Amino acid sequence: MPPSLLPSSPAPSPVAYRLPLSPRVPLVKLDTVIAARGENSHIIEKYVDRGRLCWVFNVSVKLKGIRDLRFWTREISAFASAQRDELAAIHAADVRSVLNEILGDRAEFQPGDICLLLGIRRPTLMRLRAELLATRQQCFPRAGLERFLKRRLLP
């Protein structure tokens, strides 16, 4: 009988496999949260619906129906590693300070920057263009992005 390909010792704790998130990426998709947390989408969505994750944005083209969620990386990092003090501070933060961390100090954004920030493709960006207050020069002003994110913040 050939030797087993699986190790005979028990697998390490799931915490050992948690995915570290880069602070340079301010918003992440649901699949990244699943990888960082080690839980399925239904559980993560329950956390959202019950208010355990409060900095979650719906970036779907249509606000009714299927949600396309983006999560604030700082909250997910604290949540995944069970940093209670950090998580409490994050949950107590005001919208303006969170948006400042997400958007940085830029006054306007190019289309590619918006796609990277929101984790969307160009066709989706074109469908969201009016809501993001795009200018004729293809730039997106910070004010439009702030308004979009405030509107898309889940209650």
Protein backbone atom coordinates (compact mmCIF):
# COMPACT_ATOMS: atom_id res chain seq x y z
CA MET A 1 0.00 0.00 0.00
CA PRO A 2 1.49 3.42 -0.96
CA PRO A 3 2.21 5.88 1.82
CA SER A 4 -0.46 8.44 2.54
CA LEU A 5 -0.09 11.82 0.92
CA LEU A 6 -1.78 13.48 3.87
CA PRO A 7 0.22 14.31 6.99
CA SER A 8 -0.49 12.11 9.98
CA SER A 9 -0.47 15.03 12.41
CA PRO A 10 -3.58 17.19 12.81
CA ALA A 11 -3.88 20.29 10.69
CA PRO A 12 -2.81 23.57 12.27
CA SER A 13 -5.39 25.92 13.64
CA PRO A 14 -7.35 27.88 10.98
CA VAL A 15 -5.88 31.06 12.51
CA ALA A 16 -2.50 30.03 11.08
CA TYR A 17 -3.94 30.35 7.57
CA ARG A 18 -5.56 33.77 7.93
CA LEU A 19 -4.79 36.05 5.02
CA PRO A 20 -2.97 39.27 5.92
CA LEU A 21 -4.51 42.31 4.22
CA SER A 22 -2.50 45.19 2.86
CA PRO A 23 -3.35 48.61 4.30
CA ARG A 24 -2.68 50.02 0.80
CA VAL A 25 -5.92 48.42 -0.42
CA PRO A 26 -8.71 50.29 1.38
CA LEU A 27 -11.69 48.24 0.15
CA VAL A 28 -11.92 44.50 -0.49
CA LYS A 29 -14.52 42.17 -1.98
CA LEU A 30 -16.46 39.45 -0.19
CA ASP A 31 -14.14 36.68 -1.40
CA THR A 32 -11.19 38.39 0.28
CA VAL A 33 -13.15 38.63 3.54
CA ILE A 34 -13.98 34.94 3.27
CA ALA A 35 -10.27 34.15 2.86
CA ALA A 36 -9.22 36.47 5.69
CA ARG A 37 -11.89 35.25 8.08
CA GLY A 38 -12.06 31.59 7.06
CA GLU A 39 -15.86 31.56 7.00
CA ASN A 40 -18.41 31.18 4.22
CA SER A 41 -20.33 33.99 2.54
CA HIS A 42 -23.57 33.32 4.41
CA ILE A 43 -21.86 33.83 7.76
CA ILE A 44 -20.10 37.00 6.58
CA GLU A 45 -23.38 38.40 5.24
CA LYS A 46 -25.04 37.66 8.60
CA TYR A 47 -22.29 39.67 10.29
CA VAL A 48 -23.11 42.54 7.93
CA ASP A 49 -26.87 42.28 8.42
CA ARG A 50 -26.51 42.11 12.22
CA GLY A 51 -24.17 45.09 12.37
CA ARG A 52 -21.01 43.26 13.43
CA LEU A 53 -19.35 44.67 10.32
CA CYS A 54 -20.40 48.28 9.92
CA TRP A 55 -18.15 49.74 7.18
CA VAL A 56 -19.60 47.86 4.23
CA PHE A 57 -20.54 49.46 0.93
CA ASN A 58 -22.84 48.12 -1.80
CA VAL A 59 -21.32 49.09 -5.16
CA SER A 60 -23.78 47.22 -7.37
CA VAL A 61 -25.24 49.10 -10.29
CA LYS A 62 -28.79 48.45 -9.05
CA LEU A 63 -29.41 49.04 -5.36
CA LYS A 64 -32.21 46.51 -5.27
CA GLY A 65 -31.46 42.85 -5.73
CA ILE A 66 -28.03 41.26 -5.55
CA ARG A 67 -25.52 43.16 -3.44
CA ASP A 68 -21.94 43.70 -4.56
CA LEU A 69 -20.24 44.41 -1.24
CA ARG A 70 -16.96 46.14 -0.48
CA PHE A 71 -15.49 45.99 3.01
CA TRP A 72 -13.12 48.43 4.68
CA THR A 73 -9.80 46.62 4.98
CA ARG A 74 -8.94 48.09 8.37
CA GLU A 75 -12.17 46.73 9.87
CA ILE A 76 -11.70 43.32 8.26
CA SER A 77 -8.11 43.05 9.54
CA ALA A 78 -9.20 43.83 13.09
CA PHE A 79 -12.24 41.54 12.79
CA ALA A 80 -10.25 38.61 11.36
CA SER A 81 -7.60 38.81 14.07
CA ALA A 82 -10.09 39.48 16.90
CA GLN A 83 -8.50 42.78 17.93
CA ARG A 84 -11.37 43.94 20.15
CA ASP A 85 -9.99 47.35 21.12
CA GLU A 86 -9.13 48.22 17.53
CA LEU A 87 -12.51 46.96 16.34
CA ALA A 88 -14.33 49.05 18.95
CA ALA A 89 -12.44 52.17 17.81
CA ILE A 90 -13.25 51.39 14.18
CA HIS A 91 -16.93 50.95 14.94
CA ALA A 92 -16.97 54.26 16.85
CA ALA A 93 -15.36 56.17 13.95
CA ASP A 94 -17.39 58.75 12.06
CA VAL A 95 -18.10 58.55 8.33
CA ARG A 96 -15.85 61.49 7.46
CA SER A 97 -12.74 59.96 9.06
CA VAL A 98 -13.37 56.56 7.46
CA LEU A 99 -13.84 58.12 4.03
CA ASN A 100 -10.64 60.13 4.53
CA GLU A 101 -8.75 56.90 5.20
CA ILE A 102 -10.32 55.18 2.20
CA LEU A 103 -9.86 58.06 -0.26
CA GLY A 104 -6.66 59.60 1.05
CA ASP A 105 -5.97 63.26 0.30
CA ARG A 106 -6.70 63.23 -3.44
CA ALA A 107 -9.03 65.84 -4.94
CA GLU A 108 -9.92 63.80 -8.04
CA PHE A 109 -9.56 60.29 -9.40
CA GLN A 110 -8.90 58.85 -12.85
CA PRO A 111 -11.18 56.03 -14.10
CA GLY A 112 -8.52 53.37 -13.50
CA ASP A 113 -8.09 54.58 -9.93
CA ILE A 114 -11.83 54.25 -9.29
CA CYS A 115 -11.86 50.73 -10.74
CA LEU A 116 -9.02 49.71 -8.43
CA LEU A 117 -10.52 51.40 -5.39
CA LEU A 118 -13.99 49.91 -5.80
CA GLY A 119 -12.87 46.62 -7.33
CA ILE A 120 -15.04 47.09 -10.40
CA ARG A 121 -14.56 46.79 -14.16
CA ARG A 122 -14.78 49.65 -16.67
CA PRO A 123 -18.29 48.75 -17.92
CA THR A 124 -19.57 48.94 -14.34
CA LEU A 125 -17.80 52.25 -13.84
CA MET A 126 -19.51 53.66 -16.93
CA ARG A 127 -22.89 52.62 -15.53
CA LEU A 128 -22.08 54.34 -12.21
CA ARG A 129 -20.60 57.42 -13.90
CA ALA A 130 -23.51 59.80 -13.29
CA GLU A 131 -23.76 58.84 -9.62
CA LEU A 132 -20.02 59.42 -9.21
CA LEU A 133 -20.37 62.91 -10.73
CA ALA A 134 -17.80 62.38 -13.46
CA THR A 135 -16.58 65.49 -15.26
CA ARG A 136 -16.21 65.82 -19.01
CA GLN A 137 -12.45 65.32 -18.73
CA GLN A 138 -13.04 61.77 -17.44
CA CYS A 139 -11.99 62.74 -13.92
CA PHE A 140 -14.04 61.86 -10.88
CA PRO A 141 -14.10 64.53 -8.17
CA ARG A 142 -13.61 63.49 -4.56
CA ALA A 143 -16.97 65.00 -3.61
CA GLY A 144 -18.77 62.65 -6.00
CA LEU A 145 -16.96 59.64 -4.63
CA GLU A 146 -17.67 60.68 -1.04
CA ARG A 147 -21.35 61.13 -1.85
CA PHE A 148 -21.43 57.74 -3.60
CA LEU A 149 -19.81 55.92 -0.67
CA LYS A 150 -22.07 57.63 1.90
CA ARG A 151 -25.11 56.64 -0.12
CA ARG A 152 -23.84 53.08 -0.58
CA LEU A 153 -22.89 52.52 3.07
CA LEU A 154 -25.12 49.76 4.40
CA PRO A 155 -27.29 50.69 7.39
